[in-house]
Amino acid sequence: MEKLVTSEVKLGIIAGGQLGKMLVLSASNWNVKTYVLDKDDHCPASTSCTFFYKGDQLNFDDVYRFGQLVDVLTLAGTFWAFSIMGILSGIWGYYLIPETKGKSLEYIEEHWRQGKTPREL
């Protein structure tokens, strides 16, 4: 006989877009109560969540009040993940990718053989 998995955890999801809806649907498999914060009443996750809280995810007071309603809080916005990755890749590119314009392949090869850093190129 299968046991029913139940939980009293209230999961708060900030941003109710497509990723938020997928989180809500996955959490429903474990009978987790899902709370969604979004400024749009008709966001994709609003139809699937246990409780919808209308508010702005960039407003500190809205997020703080929402956080007091739940046990666990998560951010479902893919925008933030790609923003951080974009910033980090820009920094990486600036410091680690050397400028090779006007330099011959022989000169670049000799530079690497001498063990010099990319910034010295």
PDB file of N, CA and C in Angstrom:
ATOM      1  N   MET A   1       0.836  -1.186   0.000  1.00  0.00           N
ATOM      2  CA  MET A   1       0.000   0.000   0.000  1.00  0.00           C
ATOM      3  C   MET A   1       0.878   1.246   0.000  1.00  0.00           C
ATOM      4  N   GLU A   2       0.565   2.199  -0.864  1.00  0.00           N
ATOM      5  CA  GLU A   2       1.336   3.432  -0.940  1.00  0.00           C
ATOM      6  C   GLU A   2       0.942   4.376   0.179  1.00  0.00           C
ATOM      7  N   LYS A   3       1.964   5.096   0.695  1.00  0.00           N
ATOM      8  CA  LYS A   3       1.697   6.094   1.717  1.00  0.00           C
ATOM      9  C   LYS A   3       1.526   7.447   1.035  1.00  0.00           C
ATOM     10  N   LEU A   4       0.586   8.212   1.506  1.00  0.00           N
ATOM     11  CA  LEU A   4       0.362   9.550   0.980  1.00  0.00           C
ATOM     12  C   LEU A   4       1.374  10.495   1.609  1.00  0.00           C
ATOM     13  N   VAL A   5       2.138  11.184   0.784  1.00  0.00           N
ATOM     14  CA  VAL A   5       3.118  12.144   1.280  1.00  0.00           C
ATOM     15  C   VAL A   5       2.408  13.470   1.473  1.00  0.00           C
ATOM     16  N   THR A   6       2.432  13.956   2.702  1.00  0.00           N
ATOM     17  CA  THR A   6       1.797  15.243   2.986  1.00  0.00           C
ATOM     18  C   THR A   6       2.799  16.150   3.670  1.00  0.00           C
ATOM     19  N   SER A   7       2.525  17.414   3.620  1.00  0.00           N
ATOM     20  CA  SER A   7       3.428  18.384   4.211  1.00  0.00           C
ATOM     21  C   SER A   7       2.634  19.598   4.673  1.00  0.00           C
ATOM     22  N   GLU A   8       3.093  20.203   5.730  1.00  0.00           N
ATOM     23  CA  GLU A   8       2.489  21.442   6.214  1.00  0.00           C
ATOM     24  C   GLU A   8       3.325  22.657   5.818  1.00  0.00           C
ATOM     25  N   VAL A   9       4.304  22.445   4.955  1.00  0.00           N
ATOM     26  CA  VAL A   9       5.194  23.523   4.532  1.00  0.00           C
ATOM     27  C   VAL A   9       4.455  24.481   3.597  1.00  0.00           C
ATOM     28  N   LYS A  10       4.665  25.765   3.845  1.00  0.00           N
ATOM     29  CA  LYS A  10       4.119  26.797   2.958  1.00  0.00           C
ATOM     30  C   LYS A  10       5.288  27.353   2.153  1.00  0.00           C
ATOM     31  N   LEU A  11       5.277  27.083   0.859  1.00  0.00           N
ATOM     32  CA  LEU A  11       6.342  27.520  -0.038  1.00  0.00           C
ATOM     33  C   LEU A  11       5.947  28.831  -0.700  1.00  0.00           C
ATOM     34  N   GLY A  12       6.751  29.861  -0.499  1.00  0.00           N
ATOM     35  CA  GLY A  12       6.508  31.158  -1.120  1.00  0.00           C
ATOM     36  C   GLY A  12       7.343  31.316  -2.373  1.00  0.00           C
ATOM     37  N   ILE A  13       6.705  31.625  -3.474  1.00  0.00           N
ATOM     38  CA  ILE A  13       7.395  31.784  -4.755  1.00  0.00           C
ATOM     39  C   ILE A  13       7.230  33.223  -5.218  1.00  0.00           C
ATOM     40  N   ILE A  14       8.364  33.905  -5.349  1.00  0.00           N
ATOM     41  CA  ILE A  14       8.337  35.287  -5.828  1.00  0.00           C
ATOM     42  C   ILE A  14       8.432  35.237  -7.344  1.00  0.00           C
ATOM     43  N   ALA A  15       7.485  35.781  -8.021  1.00  0.00           N
ATOM     44  CA  ALA A  15       7.355  35.834  -9.483  1.00  0.00           C
ATOM     45  C   ALA A  15       6.577  34.616  -9.961  1.00  0.00           C
ATOM     46  N   GLY A  16       5.461  34.868 -10.573  1.00  0.00           N
ATOM     47  CA  GLY A  16       4.578  33.787 -10.984  1.00  0.00           C
ATOM     48  C   GLY A  16       4.552  33.530 -12.465  1.00  0.00           C
ATOM     49  N   GLY A  17       5.711  33.613 -13.108  1.00  0.00           N
ATOM     50  CA  GLY A  17       5.787  33.334 -14.546  1.00  0.00           C
ATOM     51  C   GLY A  17       5.764  31.841 -14.826  1.00  0.00           C
ATOM     52  N   GLN A  18       6.312  31.446 -15.975  1.00  0.00           N
ATOM     53  CA  GLN A  18       6.306  30.037 -16.370  1.00  0.00           C
ATOM     54  C   GLN A  18       7.102  29.169 -15.393  1.00  0.00           C
ATOM     55  N   LEU A  19       8.262  29.663 -14.953  1.00  0.00           N
ATOM     56  CA  LEU A  19       9.061  28.902 -13.994  1.00  0.00           C
ATOM     57  C   LEU A  19       8.332  28.788 -12.661  1.00  0.00           C
ATOM     58  N   GLY A  20       7.669  29.860 -12.248  1.00  0.00           N
ATOM     59  CA  GLY A  20       6.881  29.814 -11.017  1.00  0.00           C
ATOM     60  C   GLY A  20       5.768  28.784 -11.100  1.00  0.00           C
ATOM     61  N   LYS A  21       5.118  28.710 -12.257  1.00  0.00           N
ATOM     62  CA  LYS A  21       4.054  27.720 -12.431  1.00  0.00           C
ATOM     63  C   LYS A  21       4.609  26.296 -12.367  1.00  0.00           C
ATOM     64  N   MET A  22       5.786  26.072 -12.966  1.00  0.00           N
ATOM     65  CA  MET A  22       6.388  24.738 -12.900  1.00  0.00           C
ATOM     66  C   MET A  22       6.737  24.364 -11.465  1.00  0.00           C
ATOM     67  N   LEU A  23       7.203  25.335 -10.676  1.00  0.00           N
ATOM     68  CA  LEU A  23       7.485  25.070  -9.265  1.00  0.00           C
ATOM     69  C   LEU A  23       6.209  24.724  -8.506  1.00  0.00           C
ATOM     70  N   VAL A  24       5.141  25.455  -8.784  1.00  0.00           N
ATOM     71  CA  VAL A  24       3.851  25.187  -8.129  1.00  0.00           C
ATOM     72  C   VAL A  24       3.366  23.780  -8.465  1.00  0.00           C
ATOM     73  N   LEU A  25       3.419  23.420  -9.734  1.00  0.00           N
ATOM     74  CA  LEU A  25       2.937  22.100 -10.144  1.00  0.00           C
ATOM     75  C   LEU A  25       3.792  20.979  -9.559  1.00  0.00           C
ATOM     76  N   SER A  26       5.103  21.187  -9.475  1.00  0.00           N
ATOM     77  CA  SER A  26       5.971  20.170  -8.883  1.00  0.00           C
ATOM     78  C   SER A  26       5.718  20.035  -7.387  1.00  0.00           C
ATOM     79  N   ALA A  27       5.524  21.153  -6.713  1.00  0.00           N
ATOM     80  CA  ALA A  27       5.271  21.114  -5.270  1.00  0.00           C
ATOM     81  C   ALA A  27       3.938  20.451  -4.960  1.00  0.00           C
ATOM     82  N   SER A  28       2.991  20.521  -5.879  1.00  0.00           N
ATOM     83  CA  SER A  28       1.682  19.904  -5.643  1.00  0.00           C
ATOM     84  C   SER A  28       1.777  18.381  -5.567  1.00  0.00           C
ATOM     85  N   ASN A  29       2.842  17.798  -6.133  1.00  0.00           N
ATOM     86  CA  ASN A  29       3.040  16.355  -6.034  1.00  0.00           C
ATOM     87  C   ASN A  29       3.280  15.911  -4.598  1.00  0.00           C
ATOM     88  N   TRP A  30       3.806  16.809  -3.778  1.00  0.00           N
ATOM     89  CA  TRP A  30       4.074  16.501  -2.376  1.00  0.00           C
ATOM     90  C   TRP A  30       3.087  17.195  -1.446  1.00  0.00           C
ATOM     91  N   ASN A  31       2.027  17.693  -1.997  1.00  0.00           N
ATOM     92  CA  ASN A  31       0.976  18.339  -1.214  1.00  0.00           C
ATOM     93  C   ASN A  31       1.503  19.536  -0.419  1.00  0.00           C
ATOM     94  N   VAL A  32       2.425  20.278  -1.005  1.00  0.00           N
ATOM     95  CA  VAL A  32       2.975  21.479  -0.392  1.00  0.00           C
ATOM     96  C   VAL A  32       2.080  22.655  -0.758  1.00  0.00           C
ATOM     97  N   LYS A  33       1.751  23.470   0.233  1.00  0.00           N
ATOM     98  CA  LYS A  33       0.942  24.663  -0.030  1.00  0.00           C
ATOM     99  C   LYS A  33       1.837  25.717  -0.673  1.00  0.00           C
ATOM    100  N   THR A  34       1.410  26.217  -1.817  1.00  0.00           N
ATOM    101  CA  THR A  34       2.229  27.181  -2.549  1.00  0.00           C
ATOM    102  C   THR A  34       1.573  28.558  -2.533  1.00  0.00           C
ATOM    103  N   TYR A  35       2.382  29.539  -2.212  1.00  0.00           N
ATOM    104  CA  TYR A  35       1.963  30.939  -2.195  1.00  0.00           C
ATOM    105  C   TYR A  35       2.783  31.654  -3.262  1.00  0.00           C
ATOM    106  N   VAL A  36       2.122  32.429  -4.092  1.00  0.00           N
ATOM    107  CA  VAL A  36       2.803  33.120  -5.193  1.00  0.00           C
ATOM    108  C   VAL A  36       2.617  34.622  -5.054  1.00  0.00           C
ATOM    109  N   LEU A  37       3.721  35.368  -5.180  1.00  0.00           N
ATOM    110  CA  LEU A  37       3.699  36.827  -5.176  1.00  0.00           C
ATOM    111  C   LEU A  37       3.971  37.315  -6.587  1.00  0.00           C
ATOM    112  N   ASP A  38       3.043  38.085  -7.142  1.00  0.00           N
ATOM    113  CA  ASP A  38       3.231  38.671  -8.464  1.00  0.00           C
ATOM    114  C   ASP A  38       2.328  39.889  -8.585  1.00  0.00           C
ATOM    115  N   LYS A  39       2.707  40.822  -9.423  1.00  0.00           N
ATOM    116  CA  LYS A  39       1.873  42.021  -9.593  1.00  0.00           C
ATOM    117  C   LYS A  39       0.762  41.831 -10.614  1.00  0.00           C
ATOM    118  N   ASP A  40       0.831  40.744 -11.380  1.00  0.00           N
ATOM    119  CA  ASP A  40      -0.181  40.467 -12.395  1.00  0.00           C
ATOM    120  C   ASP A  40      -1.157  39.404 -11.889  1.00  0.00           C
ATOM    121  N   ASP A  41      -2.432  39.752 -11.807  1.00  0.00           N
ATOM    122  CA  ASP A  41      -3.460  38.804 -11.344  1.00  0.00           C
ATOM    123  C   ASP A  41      -3.569  37.583 -12.253  1.00  0.00           C
ATOM    124  N   HIS A  42      -3.187  37.724 -13.499  1.00  0.00           N
ATOM    125  CA  HIS A  42      -3.360  36.653 -14.479  1.00  0.00           C
ATOM    126  C   HIS A  42      -2.030  36.013 -14.869  1.00  0.00           C
ATOM    127  N   CYS A  43      -1.059  36.020 -13.966  1.00  0.00           N
ATOM    128  CA  CYS A  43       0.221  35.366 -14.252  1.00  0.00           C
ATOM    129  C   CYS A  43       0.001  33.852 -14.342  1.00  0.00           C
ATOM    130  N   PRO A  44       0.864  33.131 -15.034  1.00  0.00           N
ATOM    131  CA  PRO A  44       0.649  31.694 -15.227  1.00  0.00           C
ATOM    132  C   PRO A  44       0.479  30.890 -13.935  1.00  0.00           C
ATOM    133  N   ALA A  45       1.198  31.250 -12.872  1.00  0.00           N
ATOM    134  CA  ALA A  45       1.131  30.468 -11.634  1.00  0.00           C
ATOM    135  C   ALA A  45      -0.103  30.781 -10.795  1.00  0.00           C
ATOM    136  N   SER A  46      -0.813  31.849 -11.106  1.00  0.00           N
ATOM    137  CA  SER A  46      -1.954  32.255 -10.266  1.00  0.00           C
ATOM    138  C   SER A  46      -3.098  31.254 -10.295  1.00  0.00           C
ATOM    139  N   THR A  47      -3.212  30.500 -11.357  1.00  0.00           N
ATOM    140  CA  THR A  47      -4.323  29.546 -11.462  1.00  0.00           C
ATOM    141  C   THR A  47      -4.025  28.219 -10.777  1.00  0.00           C
ATOM    142  N   SER A  48      -2.749  27.954 -10.469  1.00  0.00           N
ATOM    143  CA  SER A  48      -2.367  26.657  -9.915  1.00  0.00           C
ATOM    144  C   SER A  48      -1.972  26.700  -8.448  1.00  0.00           C
ATOM    145  N   CYS A  49      -1.675  27.880  -7.924  1.00  0.00           N
ATOM    146  CA  CYS A  49      -1.159  27.974  -6.559  1.00  0.00           C
ATOM    147  C   CYS A  49      -2.278  27.871  -5.521  1.00  0.00           C
ATOM    148  N   THR A  50      -1.877  27.610  -4.274  1.00  0.00           N
ATOM    149  CA  THR A  50      -2.831  27.542  -3.175  1.00  0.00           C
ATOM    150  C   THR A  50      -3.342  28.930  -2.819  1.00  0.00           C
ATOM    151  N   PHE A  51      -2.429  29.905  -2.786  1.00  0.00           N
ATOM    152  CA  PHE A  51      -2.781  31.266  -2.416  1.00  0.00           C
ATOM    153  C   PHE A  51      -2.010  32.240  -3.290  1.00  0.00           C
ATOM    154  N   PHE A  52      -2.702  33.221  -3.851  1.00  0.00           N
ATOM    155  CA  PHE A  52      -2.053  34.246  -4.678  1.00  0.00           C
ATOM    156  C   PHE A  52      -2.028  35.557  -3.916  1.00  0.00           C
ATOM    157  N   TYR A  53      -0.851  36.170  -3.842  1.00  0.00           N
ATOM    158  CA  TYR A  53      -0.671  37.445  -3.153  1.00  0.00           C
ATOM    159  C   TYR A  53      -0.259  38.480  -4.185  1.00  0.00           C
ATOM    160  N   LYS A  54      -1.098  39.485  -4.378  1.00  0.00           N
ATOM    161  CA  LYS A  54      -0.781  40.518  -5.363  1.00  0.00           C
ATOM    162  C   LYS A  54       0.165  41.535  -4.752  1.00  0.00           C
ATOM    163  N   GLY A  55       1.302  41.710  -5.404  1.00  0.00           N
ATOM    164  CA  GLY A  55       2.296  42.664  -4.936  1.00  0.00           C
ATOM    165  C   GLY A  55       3.452  42.737  -5.913  1.00  0.00           C
ATOM    166  N   ASP A  56       4.293  43.736  -5.717  1.00  0.00           N
ATOM    167  CA  ASP A  56       5.432  43.954  -6.604  1.00  0.00           C
ATOM    168  C   ASP A  56       6.661  43.254  -6.035  1.00  0.00           C
ATOM    169  N   GLN A  57       7.309  42.430  -6.850  1.00  0.00           N
ATOM    170  CA  GLN A  57       8.476  41.695  -6.386  1.00  0.00           C
ATOM    171  C   GLN A  57       9.695  42.587  -6.176  1.00  0.00           C
ATOM    172  N   LEU A  58       9.659  43.822  -6.651  1.00  0.00           N
ATOM    173  CA  LEU A  58      10.750  44.762  -6.443  1.00  0.00           C
ATOM    174  C   LEU A  58      10.469  45.730  -5.290  1.00  0.00           C
ATOM    175  N   ASN A  59       9.314  45.590  -4.651  1.00  0.00           N
ATOM    176  CA  ASN A  59       8.948  46.435  -3.522  1.00  0.00           C
ATOM    177  C   ASN A  59       9.286  45.700  -2.225  1.00  0.00           C
ATOM    178  N   PHE A  60      10.147  46.293  -1.404  1.00  0.00           N
ATOM    179  CA  PHE A  60      10.609  45.644  -0.175  1.00  0.00           C
ATOM    180  C   PHE A  60       9.454  45.300   0.757  1.00  0.00           C
ATOM    181  N   ASP A  61       8.516  46.227   0.946  1.00  0.00           N
ATOM    182  CA  ASP A  61       7.402  45.986   1.868  1.00  0.00           C
ATOM    183  C   ASP A  61       6.524  44.819   1.421  1.00  0.00           C
ATOM    184  N   ASP A  62       6.240  44.735   0.125  1.00  0.00           N
ATOM    185  CA  ASP A  62       5.429  43.629  -0.395  1.00  0.00           C
ATOM    186  C   ASP A  62       6.126  42.289  -0.172  1.00  0.00           C
ATOM    187  N   VAL A  63       7.409  42.239  -0.470  1.00  0.00           N
ATOM    188  CA  VAL A  63       8.159  40.992  -0.311  1.00  0.00           C
ATOM    189  C   VAL A  63       8.280  40.628   1.165  1.00  0.00           C
ATOM    190  N   TYR A  64       8.491  41.610   2.019  1.00  0.00           N
ATOM    191  CA  TYR A  64       8.612  41.350   3.457  1.00  0.00           C
ATOM    192  C   TYR A  64       7.309  40.793   4.028  1.00  0.00           C
ATOM    193  N   ARG A  65       6.176  41.430   3.690  1.00  0.00           N
ATOM    194  CA  ARG A  65       4.871  40.947   4.170  1.00  0.00           C
ATOM    195  C   ARG A  65       4.581  39.548   3.626  1.00  0.00           C
ATOM    196  N   PHE A  66       4.939  39.323   2.371  1.00  0.00           N
ATOM    197  CA  PHE A  66       4.744  38.005   1.763  1.00  0.00           C
ATOM    198  C   PHE A  66       5.607  36.958   2.469  1.00  0.00           C
ATOM    199  N   GLY A  67       6.835  37.319   2.798  1.00  0.00           N
ATOM    200  CA  GLY A  67       7.740  36.398   3.476  1.00  0.00           C
ATOM    201  C   GLY A  67       7.260  35.981   4.847  1.00  0.00           C
ATOM    202  N   GLN A  68       6.460  36.817   5.496  1.00  0.00           N
ATOM    203  CA  GLN A  68       5.925  36.473   6.810  1.00  0.00           C
ATOM    204  C   GLN A  68       4.797  35.442   6.726  1.00  0.00           C
ATOM    205  N   LEU A  69       4.228  35.261   5.560  1.00  0.00           N
ATOM    206  CA  LEU A  69       3.134  34.298   5.384  1.00  0.00           C
ATOM    207  C   LEU A  69       3.621  32.869   5.160  1.00  0.00           C
ATOM    208  N   VAL A  70       4.886  32.712   4.749  1.00  0.00           N
ATOM    209  CA  VAL A  70       5.364  31.403   4.310  1.00  0.00           C
ATOM    210  C   VAL A  70       6.512  30.900   5.184  1.00  0.00           C
ATOM    211  N   ASP A  71       6.819  29.604   5.030  1.00  0.00           N
ATOM    212  CA  ASP A  71       7.931  28.993   5.756  1.00  0.00           C
ATOM    213  C   ASP A  71       9.229  29.039   4.946  1.00  0.00           C
ATOM    214  N   VAL A  72       9.120  28.857   3.637  1.00  0.00           N
ATOM    215  CA  VAL A  72      10.281  28.843   2.743  1.00  0.00           C
ATOM    216  C   VAL A  72      10.006  29.809   1.602  1.00  0.00           C
ATOM    217  N   LEU A  73      11.009  30.593   1.241  1.00  0.00           N
ATOM    218  CA  LEU A  73      10.833  31.606   0.203  1.00  0.00           C
ATOM    219  C   LEU A  73      11.839  31.364  -0.915  1.00  0.00           C
ATOM    220  N   THR A  74      11.385  31.417  -2.158  1.00  0.00           N
ATOM    221  CA  THR A  74      12.281  31.221  -3.292  1.00  0.00           C
ATOM    222  C   THR A  74      11.946  32.220  -4.391  1.00  0.00           C
ATOM    223  N   LEU A  75      12.936  32.499  -5.206  1.00  0.00           N
ATOM    224  CA  LEU A  75      12.769  33.420  -6.324  1.00  0.00           C
ATOM    225  C   LEU A  75      12.697  32.606  -7.605  1.00  0.00           C
ATOM    226  N   ALA A  76      11.632  32.784  -8.364  1.00  0.00           N
ATOM    227  CA  ALA A  76      11.432  31.973  -9.567  1.00  0.00           C
ATOM    228  C   ALA A  76      11.703  32.747 -10.844  1.00  0.00           C
ATOM    229  N   GLY A  77      12.382  33.836 -10.761  1.00  0.00           N
ATOM    230  CA  GLY A  77      12.626  34.635 -11.953  1.00  0.00           C
ATOM    231  C   GLY A  77      13.901  34.232 -12.671  1.00  0.00           C
ATOM    232  N   THR A  78      13.789  33.787 -13.898  1.00  0.00           N
ATOM    233  CA  THR A  78      14.977  33.415 -14.661  1.00  0.00           C
ATOM    234  C   THR A  78      15.761  34.654 -15.073  1.00  0.00           C
ATOM    235  N   PHE A  79      15.117  35.806 -15.050  1.00  0.00           N
ATOM    236  CA  PHE A  79      15.796  37.058 -15.396  1.00  0.00           C
ATOM    237  C   PHE A  79      17.021  37.263 -14.511  1.00  0.00           C
ATOM    238  N   TRP A  80      16.871  37.013 -13.218  1.00  0.00           N
ATOM    239  CA  TRP A  80      17.975  37.254 -12.279  1.00  0.00           C
ATOM    240  C   TRP A  80      19.134  36.297 -12.528  1.00  0.00           C
ATOM    241  N   ALA A  81      18.838  35.051 -12.817  1.00  0.00           N
ATOM    242  CA  ALA A  81      19.905  34.081 -13.080  1.00  0.00           C
ATOM    243  C   ALA A  81      20.693  34.482 -14.325  1.00  0.00           C
ATOM    244  N   PHE A  82      20.000  34.872 -15.390  1.00  0.00           N
ATOM    245  CA  PHE A  82      20.691  35.267 -16.613  1.00  0.00           C
ATOM    246  C   PHE A  82      21.399  36.607 -16.452  1.00  0.00           C
ATOM    247  N   SER A  83      20.867  37.488 -15.631  1.00  0.00           N
ATOM    248  CA  SER A  83      21.537  38.763 -15.377  1.00  0.00           C
ATOM    249  C   SER A  83      22.874  38.543 -14.687  1.00  0.00           C
ATOM    250  N   ILE A  84      22.871  37.710 -13.675  1.00  0.00           N
ATOM    251  CA  ILE A  84      24.111  37.433 -12.944  1.00  0.00           C
ATOM    252  C   ILE A  84      25.117  36.733 -13.849  1.00  0.00           C
ATOM    253  N   MET A  85      24.649  35.772 -14.643  1.00  0.00           N
ATOM    254  CA  MET A  85      25.556  35.081 -15.559  1.00  0.00           C
ATOM    255  C   MET A  85      26.136  36.050 -16.590  1.00  0.00           C
ATOM    256  N   GLY A  86      25.324  36.979 -17.072  1.00  0.00           N
ATOM    257  CA  GLY A  86      25.804  37.955 -18.044  1.00  0.00           C
ATOM    258  C   GLY A  86      26.850  38.886 -17.455  1.00  0.00           C
ATOM    259  N   ILE A  87      26.631  39.345 -16.246  1.00  0.00           N
ATOM    260  CA  ILE A  87      27.596  40.229 -15.584  1.00  0.00           C
ATOM    261  C   ILE A  87      28.908  39.498 -15.334  1.00  0.00           C
ATOM    262  N   LEU A  88      28.811  38.269 -14.816  1.00  0.00           N
ATOM    263  CA  LEU A  88      30.028  37.498 -14.543  1.00  0.00           C
ATOM    264  C   LEU A  88      30.796  37.164 -15.822  1.00  0.00           C
ATOM    265  N   SER A  89      30.086  36.853 -16.897  1.00  0.00           N
ATOM    266  CA  SER A  89      30.794  36.547 -18.150  1.00  0.00           C
ATOM    267  C   SER A  89      31.437  37.802 -18.731  1.00  0.00           C
ATOM    268  N   GLY A  90      30.836  38.949 -18.544  1.00  0.00           N
ATOM    269  CA  GLY A  90      31.451  40.198 -18.998  1.00  0.00           C
ATOM    270  C   GLY A  90      32.735  40.502 -18.236  1.00  0.00           C
ATOM    271  N   ILE A  91      32.701  40.297 -16.923  1.00  0.00           N
ATOM    272  CA  ILE A  91      33.906  40.499 -16.106  1.00  0.00           C
ATOM    273  C   ILE A  91      34.987  39.503 -16.500  1.00  0.00           C
ATOM    274  N   TRP A  92      34.586  38.238 -16.678  1.00  0.00           N
ATOM    275  CA  TRP A  92      35.534  37.199 -17.085  1.00  0.00           C
ATOM    276  C   TRP A  92      36.176  37.564 -18.422  1.00  0.00           C
ATOM    277  N   GLY A  93      35.357  37.981 -19.365  1.00  0.00           N
ATOM    278  CA  GLY A  93      35.877  38.336 -20.680  1.00  0.00           C
ATOM    279  C   GLY A  93      36.828  39.517 -20.637  1.00  0.00           C
ATOM    280  N   TYR A  94      36.540  40.490 -19.814  1.00  0.00           N
ATOM    281  CA  TYR A  94      37.381  41.678 -19.731  1.00  0.00           C
ATOM    282  C   TYR A  94      38.759  41.341 -19.160  1.00  0.00           C
ATOM    283  N   TYR A  95      38.792  40.494 -18.147  1.00  0.00           N
ATOM    284  CA  TYR A  95      40.058  40.201 -17.482  1.00  0.00           C
ATOM    285  C   TYR A  95      40.827  39.007 -18.047  1.00  0.00           C
ATOM    286  N   LEU A  96      40.159  38.047 -18.647  1.00  0.00           N
ATOM    287  CA  LEU A  96      40.850  36.828 -19.049  1.00  0.00           C
ATOM    288  C   LEU A  96      40.986  36.612 -20.551  1.00  0.00           C
ATOM    289  N   ILE A  97      40.238  37.325 -21.365  1.00  0.00           N
ATOM    290  CA  ILE A  97      40.373  37.162 -22.819  1.00  0.00           C
ATOM    291  C   ILE A  97      41.301  38.261 -23.335  1.00  0.00           C
ATOM    292  N   PRO A  98      42.440  37.878 -23.872  1.00  0.00           N
ATOM    293  CA  PRO A  98      43.408  38.893 -24.307  1.00  0.00           C
ATOM    294  C   PRO A  98      43.008  39.555 -25.627  1.00  0.00           C
ATOM    295  N   GLU A  99      43.480  40.751 -25.826  1.00  0.00           N
ATOM    296  CA  GLU A  99      43.291  41.449 -27.097  1.00  0.00           C
ATOM    297  C   GLU A  99      44.389  40.984 -28.051  1.00  0.00           C
ATOM    298  N   THR A 100      44.000  40.424 -29.184  1.00  0.00           N
ATOM    299  CA  THR A 100      44.983  39.875 -30.132  1.00  0.00           C
ATOM    300  C   THR A 100      45.009  40.635 -31.452  1.00  0.00           C
ATOM    301  N   LYS A 101      44.320  41.739 -31.519  1.00  0.00           N
ATOM    302  CA  LYS A 101      44.271  42.504 -32.755  1.00  0.00           C
ATOM    303  C   LYS A 101      45.670  43.032 -33.103  1.00  0.00           C
ATOM    304  N   GLY A 102      46.081  42.767 -34.323  1.00  0.00           N
ATOM    305  CA  GLY A 102      47.375  43.254 -34.794  1.00  0.00           C
ATOM    306  C   GLY A 102      48.558  42.407 -34.363  1.00  0.00           C
ATOM    307  N   LYS A 103      48.324  41.251 -33.770  1.00  0.00           N
ATOM    308  CA  LYS A 103      49.420  40.388 -33.323  1.00  0.00           C
ATOM    309  C   LYS A 103      49.411  39.102 -34.147  1.00  0.00           C
ATOM    310  N   SER A 104      50.581  38.638 -34.498  1.00  0.00           N
ATOM    311  CA  SER A 104      50.675  37.425 -35.307  1.00  0.00           C
ATOM    312  C   SER A 104      50.483  36.193 -34.424  1.00  0.00           C
ATOM    313  N   LEU A 105      50.131  35.070 -35.079  1.00  0.00           N
ATOM    314  CA  LEU A 105      49.958  33.824 -34.344  1.00  0.00           C
ATOM    315  C   LEU A 105      51.279  33.364 -33.727  1.00  0.00           C
ATOM    316  N   GLU A 106      52.387  33.640 -34.393  1.00  0.00           N
ATOM    317  CA  GLU A 106      53.691  33.269 -33.846  1.00  0.00           C
ATOM    318  C   GLU A 106      53.975  34.041 -32.563  1.00  0.00           C
ATOM    319  N   TYR A 107      53.649  35.311 -32.556  1.00  0.00           N
ATOM    320  CA  TYR A 107      53.868  36.141 -31.365  1.00  0.00           C
ATOM    321  C   TYR A 107      52.983  35.653 -30.208  1.00  0.00           C
ATOM    322  N   ILE A 108      51.732  35.335 -30.494  1.00  0.00           N
ATOM    323  CA  ILE A 108      50.814  34.852 -29.458  1.00  0.00           C
ATOM    324  C   ILE A 108      51.289  33.510 -28.909  1.00  0.00           C
ATOM    325  N   GLU A 109      51.735  32.617 -29.807  1.00  0.00           N
ATOM    326  CA  GLU A 109      52.227  31.310 -29.373  1.00  0.00           C
ATOM    327  C   GLU A 109      53.449  31.467 -28.468  1.00  0.00           C
ATOM    328  N   GLU A 110      54.355  32.325 -28.835  1.00  0.00           N
ATOM    329  CA  GLU A 110      55.548  32.552 -28.015  1.00  0.00           C
ATOM    330  C   GLU A 110      55.172  33.139 -26.658  1.00  0.00           C
ATOM    331  N   HIS A 111      54.202  33.998 -26.645  1.00  0.00           N
ATOM    332  CA  HIS A 111      53.710  34.598 -25.386  1.00  0.00           C
ATOM    333  C   HIS A 111      53.225  33.505 -24.431  1.00  0.00           C
ATOM    334  N   TRP A 112      52.436  32.555 -24.953  1.00  0.00           N
ATOM    335  CA  TRP A 112      51.902  31.484 -24.101  1.00  0.00           C
ATOM    336  C   TRP A 112      53.012  30.539 -23.651  1.00  0.00           C
ATOM    337  N   ARG A 113      53.968  30.272 -24.540  1.00  0.00           N
ATOM    338  CA  ARG A 113      55.083  29.377 -24.180  1.00  0.00           C
ATOM    339  C   ARG A 113      55.926  29.944 -23.038  1.00  0.00           C
ATOM    340  N   GLN A 114      56.007  31.252 -22.946  1.00  0.00           N
ATOM    341  CA  GLN A 114      56.774  31.895 -21.883  1.00  0.00           C
ATOM    342  C   GLN A 114      55.987  31.920 -20.571  1.00  0.00           C
ATOM    343  N   GLY A 115      54.725  31.505 -20.595  1.00  0.00           N
ATOM    344  CA  GLY A 115      53.924  31.426 -19.377  1.00  0.00           C
ATOM    345  C   GLY A 115      53.380  32.768 -18.893  1.00  0.00           C
ATOM    346  N   LYS A 116      53.273  33.720 -19.786  1.00  0.00           N
ATOM    347  CA  LYS A 116      52.758  35.045 -19.399  1.00  0.00           C
ATOM    348  C   LYS A 116      51.241  35.011 -19.292  1.00  0.00           C
ATOM    349  N   THR A 117      50.710  35.986 -18.583  1.00  0.00           N
ATOM    350  CA  THR A 117      49.264  36.072 -18.380  1.00  0.00           C
ATOM    351  C   THR A 117      48.580  36.697 -19.591  1.00  0.00           C
ATOM    352  N   PRO A 118      47.284  36.484 -19.744  1.00  0.00           N
ATOM    353  CA  PRO A 118      46.553  37.075 -20.885  1.00  0.00           C
ATOM    354  C   PRO A 118      46.609  38.605 -20.898  1.00  0.00           C
ATOM    355  N   ARG A 119      46.628  39.237 -19.741  1.00  0.00           N
ATOM    356  CA  ARG A 119      46.643  40.701 -19.699  1.00  0.00           C
ATOM    357  C   ARG A 119      47.954  41.291 -20.204  1.00  0.00           C
ATOM    358  N   GLU A 120      49.033  40.501 -20.194  1.00  0.00           N
ATOM    359  CA  GLU A 120      50.339  40.987 -20.664  1.00  0.00           C
ATOM    360  C   GLU A 120      50.449  40.931 -22.181  1.00  0.00           C
ATOM    361  N   LEU A 121      49.521  40.309 -22.848  1.00  0.00           N
ATOM    362  CA  LEU A 121      49.583  40.136 -24.297  1.00  0.00           C
ATOM    363  C   LEU A 121      49.384  41.425 -24.974  1.00  0.00           C
TER     364      LEU A 121
END
